[in-house]
Amino acid sequence: MVIYPSDLFKNEQNVKPIFGAIVYCGIAGVLDHTGIWLDDNTIVELDGNGLIKPISSQRFLAERSGKQIFIACDSLAQPLSCEIAA
């Protein structure tokens, strides 16, 4: 059984993703699916066939068990990002 950040840390703080932020969602309760945030409707992912492709945030969650997109942050709740990677 996997535990997601929202299960461990209950808080009211919402973090807005920024260009190049690392994002992820759950898959079947045992894996994470990661991507890089570009804008409100575009995430770049590495798909199961090894292709790097832009997809919508809705597609990023489709057919996954996770219902939320999480943003990787530092201890000050600042998104971890890299504009060069994006």
C-alpha atoms as a PDB file:
ATOM      1  CA  MET A   1       0.000   0.000   0.000  1.00  0.00           C
ATOM      2  CA  VAL A   2       1.401   3.325  -1.021  1.00  0.00           C
ATOM      3  CA  ILE A   3       1.054   6.515   1.008  1.00  0.00           C
ATOM      4  CA  TYR A   4       0.819   9.774  -0.906  1.00  0.00           C
ATOM      5  CA  PRO A   5       2.014  13.126   0.477  1.00  0.00           C
ATOM      6  CA  SER A   6      -1.556  14.280   1.093  1.00  0.00           C
ATOM      7  CA  ASP A   7      -2.075  11.212   3.322  1.00  0.00           C
ATOM      8  CA  LEU A   8       0.930  12.073   5.495  1.00  0.00           C
ATOM      9  CA  PHE A   9       0.857  15.852   5.586  1.00  0.00           C
ATOM     10  CA  LYS A  10      -2.538  17.406   6.124  1.00  0.00           C
ATOM     11  CA  ASN A  11      -2.298  21.119   5.476  1.00  0.00           C
ATOM     12  CA  GLU A  12      -4.144  23.915   3.805  1.00  0.00           C
ATOM     13  CA  GLN A  13      -1.191  25.029   1.715  1.00  0.00           C
ATOM     14  CA  ASN A  14      -1.632  24.671  -2.026  1.00  0.00           C
ATOM     15  CA  VAL A  15       1.418  25.026  -4.232  1.00  0.00           C
ATOM     16  CA  LYS A  16       1.048  26.324  -7.751  1.00  0.00           C
ATOM     17  CA  PRO A  17       3.312  24.596 -10.262  1.00  0.00           C
ATOM     18  CA  ILE A  18       5.815  26.692 -12.189  1.00  0.00           C
ATOM     19  CA  PHE A  19       7.449  26.145 -15.569  1.00  0.00           C
ATOM     20  CA  GLY A  20       9.840  23.196 -15.310  1.00  0.00           C
ATOM     21  CA  ALA A  21       8.406  21.841 -12.018  1.00  0.00           C
ATOM     22  CA  ILE A  22       8.612  18.117 -11.318  1.00  0.00           C
ATOM     23  CA  VAL A  23       5.113  16.654 -10.963  1.00  0.00           C
ATOM     24  CA  TYR A  24       3.788  13.162 -10.291  1.00  0.00           C
ATOM     25  CA  CYS A  25       0.726  11.054  -9.641  1.00  0.00           C
ATOM     26  CA  GLY A  26       0.130   7.535  -8.366  1.00  0.00           C
ATOM     27  CA  ILE A  27      -0.274   4.388 -10.449  1.00  0.00           C
ATOM     28  CA  ALA A  28      -2.092   1.399  -8.936  1.00  0.00           C
ATOM     29  CA  GLY A  29      -0.998   2.332  -5.429  1.00  0.00           C
ATOM     30  CA  VAL A  30       2.553   1.058  -5.934  1.00  0.00           C
ATOM     31  CA  LEU A  31       4.252   3.265  -8.542  1.00  0.00           C
ATOM     32  CA  ASP A  32       4.614   6.949  -9.352  1.00  0.00           C
ATOM     33  CA  HIS A  33       4.254   8.530 -12.774  1.00  0.00           C
ATOM     34  CA  THR A  34       6.416  11.654 -13.166  1.00  0.00           C
ATOM     35  CA  GLY A  35       6.537  14.523 -15.591  1.00  0.00           C
ATOM     36  CA  ILE A  36       7.694  18.097 -16.088  1.00  0.00           C
ATOM     37  CA  TRP A  37       5.132  20.908 -15.906  1.00  0.00           C
ATOM     38  CA  LEU A  38       5.129  23.351 -18.835  1.00  0.00           C
ATOM     39  CA  ASP A  39       1.854  25.244 -18.406  1.00  0.00           C
ATOM     40  CA  ASP A  40      -1.723  24.858 -17.146  1.00  0.00           C
ATOM     41  CA  ASN A  41      -2.543  22.194 -19.697  1.00  0.00           C
ATOM     42  CA  THR A  42       0.809  20.699 -20.716  1.00  0.00           C
ATOM     43  CA  ILE A  43       3.037  18.188 -18.953  1.00  0.00           C
ATOM     44  CA  VAL A  44       5.942  16.416 -20.637  1.00  0.00           C
ATOM     45  CA  GLU A  45       6.065  12.705 -19.798  1.00  0.00           C
ATOM     46  CA  LEU A  46       8.104   9.642 -20.657  1.00  0.00           C
ATOM     47  CA  ASP A  47       5.485   7.135 -21.796  1.00  0.00           C
ATOM     48  CA  GLY A  48       5.648   3.349 -21.513  1.00  0.00           C
ATOM     49  CA  ASN A  49       7.117   3.061 -25.018  1.00  0.00           C
ATOM     50  CA  GLY A  50      10.083   5.280 -24.185  1.00  0.00           C
ATOM     51  CA  LEU A  51       8.710   8.322 -26.013  1.00  0.00           C
ATOM     52  CA  ILE A  52       8.973  11.781 -24.493  1.00  0.00           C
ATOM     53  CA  LYS A  53       5.788  13.647 -25.325  1.00  0.00           C
ATOM     54  CA  PRO A  54       3.648  16.584 -24.222  1.00  0.00           C
ATOM     55  CA  ILE A  55       0.209  15.694 -22.863  1.00  0.00           C
ATOM     56  CA  SER A  56      -2.622  17.492 -21.073  1.00  0.00           C
ATOM     57  CA  SER A  57      -2.894  17.411 -17.291  1.00  0.00           C
ATOM     58  CA  GLN A  58      -6.135  15.434 -17.690  1.00  0.00           C
ATOM     59  CA  ARG A  59      -4.354  12.798 -19.810  1.00  0.00           C
ATOM     60  CA  PHE A  60      -1.516  12.677 -17.256  1.00  0.00           C
ATOM     61  CA  LEU A  61      -4.061  11.405 -14.688  1.00  0.00           C
ATOM     62  CA  ALA A  62      -6.086   9.226 -17.084  1.00  0.00           C
ATOM     63  CA  GLU A  63      -5.909   5.471 -16.444  1.00  0.00           C
ATOM     64  CA  ARG A  64      -3.935   6.065 -13.246  1.00  0.00           C
ATOM     65  CA  SER A  65      -5.110   5.433  -9.693  1.00  0.00           C
ATOM     66  CA  GLY A  66      -3.991   8.869  -8.553  1.00  0.00           C
ATOM     67  CA  LYS A  67      -6.619  11.568  -8.651  1.00  0.00           C
ATOM     68  CA  GLN A  68      -4.257  14.439  -7.908  1.00  0.00           C
ATOM     69  CA  ILE A  69      -1.089  15.812  -9.424  1.00  0.00           C
ATOM     70  CA  PHE A  70       1.563  16.418  -6.786  1.00  0.00           C
ATOM     71  CA  ILE A  71       4.367  18.962  -7.132  1.00  0.00           C
ATOM     72  CA  ALA A  72       7.838  18.147  -5.809  1.00  0.00           C
ATOM     73  CA  CYS A  73       8.851  20.936  -3.391  1.00  0.00           C
ATOM     74  CA  ASP A  74      11.664  21.879  -1.069  1.00  0.00           C
ATOM     75  CA  SER A  75      11.230  22.331   2.696  1.00  0.00           C
ATOM     76  CA  LEU A  76       9.885  25.857   2.143  1.00  0.00           C
ATOM     77  CA  ALA A  77       7.144  24.615  -0.218  1.00  0.00           C
ATOM     78  CA  GLN A  78       8.912  26.053  -3.258  1.00  0.00           C
ATOM     79  CA  PRO A  79       8.481  23.867  -6.371  1.00  0.00           C
ATOM     80  CA  LEU A  80      11.585  21.999  -7.532  1.00  0.00           C
ATOM     81  CA  SER A  81      12.033  23.007 -11.147  1.00  0.00           C
ATOM     82  CA  CYS A  82      14.494  23.280 -13.995  1.00  0.00           C
ATOM     83  CA  GLU A  83      13.725  25.487 -16.979  1.00  0.00           C
ATOM     84  CA  ILE A  84      16.446  23.769 -19.016  1.00  0.00           C
ATOM     85  CA  ALA A  85      14.791  20.363 -18.535  1.00  0.00           C
ATOM     86  CA  ALA A  86      11.462  21.791 -19.667  1.00  0.00           C
END
